[in-house]
Amino acid sequence: MRVHFIVALFAFSAAVHASSTLRVGNRVLTAGDSRERVVALLGKPTSKSHAHKSRRRGGRRGVRVLDNHQGGEQWRYRRGDHVTVVTIVGGRVSDIEDRRL
């Protein structure tokens, strides 16, 4: 039973890979690169969305505040059998997620 769980865990971890680097041909995109570098390496994104970070004010029943600027943008790219999501905060890459379809 434990072996099946471990195998399933490895299979899931291979399907989604979040990292601070991404190889694009013979070049590498890294966290901290500018949004211009992302466009130069990957081109125009397939779609864009805002990643919202929320914070609470005033205890348990406080108001939830969504902040567009701290959450940044998520740029999605379809690359063959992969979907790559690049999160950009403050004009710089903060996270790169690459998953196989």
C-alpha atoms as a PDB file:
ATOM      1  CA  MET A   1       0.000   0.000   0.000  1.00  0.00           C
ATOM      2  CA  ARG A   2       2.800   2.391   0.892  1.00  0.00           C
ATOM      3  CA  VAL A   3       4.599   1.624  -2.362  1.00  0.00           C
ATOM      4  CA  HIS A   4       1.526   2.577  -4.410  1.00  0.00           C
ATOM      5  CA  PHE A   5       1.284   5.885  -2.557  1.00  0.00           C
ATOM      6  CA  ILE A   6       4.947   6.679  -3.215  1.00  0.00           C
ATOM      7  CA  VAL A   7       4.630   5.789  -6.908  1.00  0.00           C
ATOM      8  CA  ALA A   8       1.544   8.022  -7.223  1.00  0.00           C
ATOM      9  CA  LEU A   9       3.381  10.852  -5.463  1.00  0.00           C
ATOM     10  CA  PHE A  10       6.303  10.620  -7.899  1.00  0.00           C
ATOM     11  CA  ALA A  11       3.943  10.515 -10.887  1.00  0.00           C
ATOM     12  CA  PHE A  12       2.209  13.692  -9.711  1.00  0.00           C
ATOM     13  CA  SER A  13       5.488  15.500  -9.059  1.00  0.00           C
ATOM     14  CA  ALA A  14       6.672  14.696 -12.595  1.00  0.00           C
ATOM     15  CA  ALA A  15       3.498  16.122 -14.135  1.00  0.00           C
ATOM     16  CA  VAL A  16       3.809  19.602 -12.570  1.00  0.00           C
ATOM     17  CA  HIS A  17       7.149  21.255 -12.168  1.00  0.00           C
ATOM     18  CA  ALA A  18       7.502  24.674 -10.521  1.00  0.00           C
ATOM     19  CA  SER A  19      10.926  26.139 -10.700  1.00  0.00           C
ATOM     20  CA  SER A  20      12.908  29.323 -10.896  1.00  0.00           C
ATOM     21  CA  THR A  21      14.404  28.393 -14.284  1.00  0.00           C
ATOM     22  CA  LEU A  22      13.101  27.246 -17.672  1.00  0.00           C
ATOM     23  CA  ARG A  23      15.148  26.119 -20.654  1.00  0.00           C
ATOM     24  CA  VAL A  24      13.882  27.607 -23.921  1.00  0.00           C
ATOM     25  CA  GLY A  25      15.940  26.154 -26.771  1.00  0.00           C
ATOM     26  CA  ASN A  26      19.543  26.938 -25.914  1.00  0.00           C
ATOM     27  CA  ARG A  27      18.613  29.853 -23.605  1.00  0.00           C
ATOM     28  CA  VAL A  28      17.425  29.929 -19.996  1.00  0.00           C
ATOM     29  CA  LEU A  29      14.670  32.017 -18.415  1.00  0.00           C
ATOM     30  CA  THR A  30      15.226  32.577 -14.685  1.00  0.00           C
ATOM     31  CA  ALA A  31      13.392  34.198 -11.794  1.00  0.00           C
ATOM     32  CA  GLY A  32      14.324  37.855 -11.690  1.00  0.00           C
ATOM     33  CA  ASP A  33      14.371  38.283 -15.481  1.00  0.00           C
ATOM     34  CA  SER A  34      12.341  41.162 -16.920  1.00  0.00           C
ATOM     35  CA  ARG A  35       9.007  40.820 -18.696  1.00  0.00           C
ATOM     36  CA  GLU A  36      10.770  41.931 -21.894  1.00  0.00           C
ATOM     37  CA  ARG A  37      13.074  38.907 -21.647  1.00  0.00           C
ATOM     38  CA  VAL A  38      10.029  36.642 -21.244  1.00  0.00           C
ATOM     39  CA  VAL A  39       8.516  38.038 -24.446  1.00  0.00           C
ATOM     40  CA  ALA A  40      11.866  37.735 -26.251  1.00  0.00           C
ATOM     41  CA  LEU A  41      12.205  34.045 -25.299  1.00  0.00           C
ATOM     42  CA  LEU A  42       8.594  32.816 -25.314  1.00  0.00           C
ATOM     43  CA  GLY A  43       6.761  35.369 -27.451  1.00  0.00           C
ATOM     44  CA  LYS A  44       3.269  36.692 -26.838  1.00  0.00           C
ATOM     45  CA  PRO A  45       1.414  34.728 -24.132  1.00  0.00           C
ATOM     46  CA  THR A  46      -1.623  32.621 -24.997  1.00  0.00           C
ATOM     47  CA  SER A  47      -3.476  34.210 -22.077  1.00  0.00           C
ATOM     48  CA  LYS A  48      -2.902  36.542 -19.132  1.00  0.00           C
ATOM     49  CA  SER A  49      -4.582  36.710 -15.733  1.00  0.00           C
ATOM     50  CA  HIS A  50      -4.043  38.526 -12.482  1.00  0.00           C
ATOM     51  CA  ALA A  51      -2.834  36.481  -9.538  1.00  0.00           C
ATOM     52  CA  HIS A  52      -4.475  37.973  -6.455  1.00  0.00           C
ATOM     53  CA  LYS A  53      -2.997  37.711  -3.021  1.00  0.00           C
ATOM     54  CA  SER A  54      -5.476  38.231  -0.258  1.00  0.00           C
ATOM     55  CA  ARG A  55      -5.000  39.416   3.273  1.00  0.00           C
ATOM     56  CA  ARG A  56      -7.426  39.765   6.122  1.00  0.00           C
ATOM     57  CA  ARG A  57      -8.083  42.820   8.237  1.00  0.00           C
ATOM     58  CA  GLY A  58      -9.587  42.852  11.684  1.00  0.00           C
ATOM     59  CA  GLY A  59      -9.413  39.273  12.961  1.00  0.00           C
ATOM     60  CA  ARG A  60     -11.426  36.216  12.018  1.00  0.00           C
ATOM     61  CA  ARG A  61     -14.400  38.015  10.535  1.00  0.00           C
ATOM     62  CA  GLY A  62     -12.424  40.799   8.915  1.00  0.00           C
ATOM     63  CA  VAL A  63     -12.705  42.026   5.378  1.00  0.00           C
ATOM     64  CA  ARG A  64     -10.687  40.247   2.708  1.00  0.00           C
ATOM     65  CA  VAL A  65      -8.636  42.680   0.662  1.00  0.00           C
ATOM     66  CA  LEU A  66      -7.408  41.694  -2.790  1.00  0.00           C
ATOM     67  CA  ASP A  67      -4.257  43.404  -3.980  1.00  0.00           C
ATOM     68  CA  ASN A  68      -3.565  43.297  -7.739  1.00  0.00           C
ATOM     69  CA  HIS A  69      -0.050  44.648  -7.463  1.00  0.00           C
ATOM     70  CA  GLN A  70       1.395  42.146  -4.990  1.00  0.00           C
ATOM     71  CA  GLY A  71      -0.107  39.105  -6.688  1.00  0.00           C
ATOM     72  CA  GLY A  72       1.206  40.054 -10.111  1.00  0.00           C
ATOM     73  CA  GLU A  73       0.230  38.594 -13.453  1.00  0.00           C
ATOM     74  CA  GLN A  74       0.256  35.028 -14.708  1.00  0.00           C
ATOM     75  CA  TRP A  75       1.215  34.589 -18.348  1.00  0.00           C
ATOM     76  CA  ARG A  76       0.270  31.211 -19.878  1.00  0.00           C
ATOM     77  CA  TYR A  77       2.047  29.666 -22.848  1.00  0.00           C
ATOM     78  CA  ARG A  78       1.116  26.505 -24.762  1.00  0.00           C
ATOM     79  CA  ARG A  79       4.388  24.872 -25.887  1.00  0.00           C
ATOM     80  CA  GLY A  80       3.831  21.548 -27.620  1.00  0.00           C
ATOM     81  CA  ASP A  81       2.599  19.118 -24.953  1.00  0.00           C
ATOM     82  CA  HIS A  82       3.444  21.552 -22.118  1.00  0.00           C
ATOM     83  CA  VAL A  83       1.683  24.495 -20.519  1.00  0.00           C
ATOM     84  CA  THR A  84       4.044  27.029 -19.009  1.00  0.00           C
ATOM     85  CA  VAL A  85       2.821  29.631 -16.510  1.00  0.00           C
ATOM     86  CA  VAL A  86       5.145  32.559 -15.784  1.00  0.00           C
ATOM     87  CA  THR A  87       4.204  34.717 -12.784  1.00  0.00           C
ATOM     88  CA  ILE A  88       5.383  38.311 -13.056  1.00  0.00           C
ATOM     89  CA  VAL A  89       5.443  40.619 -10.035  1.00  0.00           C
ATOM     90  CA  GLY A  90       6.698  44.177 -10.325  1.00  0.00           C
ATOM     91  CA  GLY A  91       7.871  43.657 -13.912  1.00  0.00           C
ATOM     92  CA  ARG A  92      10.089  40.677 -12.966  1.00  0.00           C
ATOM     93  CA  VAL A  93       9.627  36.906 -13.144  1.00  0.00           C
ATOM     94  CA  SER A  94       8.852  35.536  -9.679  1.00  0.00           C
ATOM     95  CA  ASP A  95       7.835  31.947 -10.517  1.00  0.00           C
ATOM     96  CA  ILE A  96       7.810  29.561 -13.460  1.00  0.00           C
ATOM     97  CA  GLU A  97       5.539  26.512 -13.606  1.00  0.00           C
ATOM     98  CA  ASP A  98       5.812  23.979 -16.413  1.00  0.00           C
ATOM     99  CA  ARG A  99       3.338  21.104 -16.670  1.00  0.00           C
ATOM    100  CA  ARG A 100       2.894  18.351 -19.181  1.00  0.00           C
ATOM    101  CA  LEU A 101      -0.612  17.863 -20.589  1.00  0.00           C
END
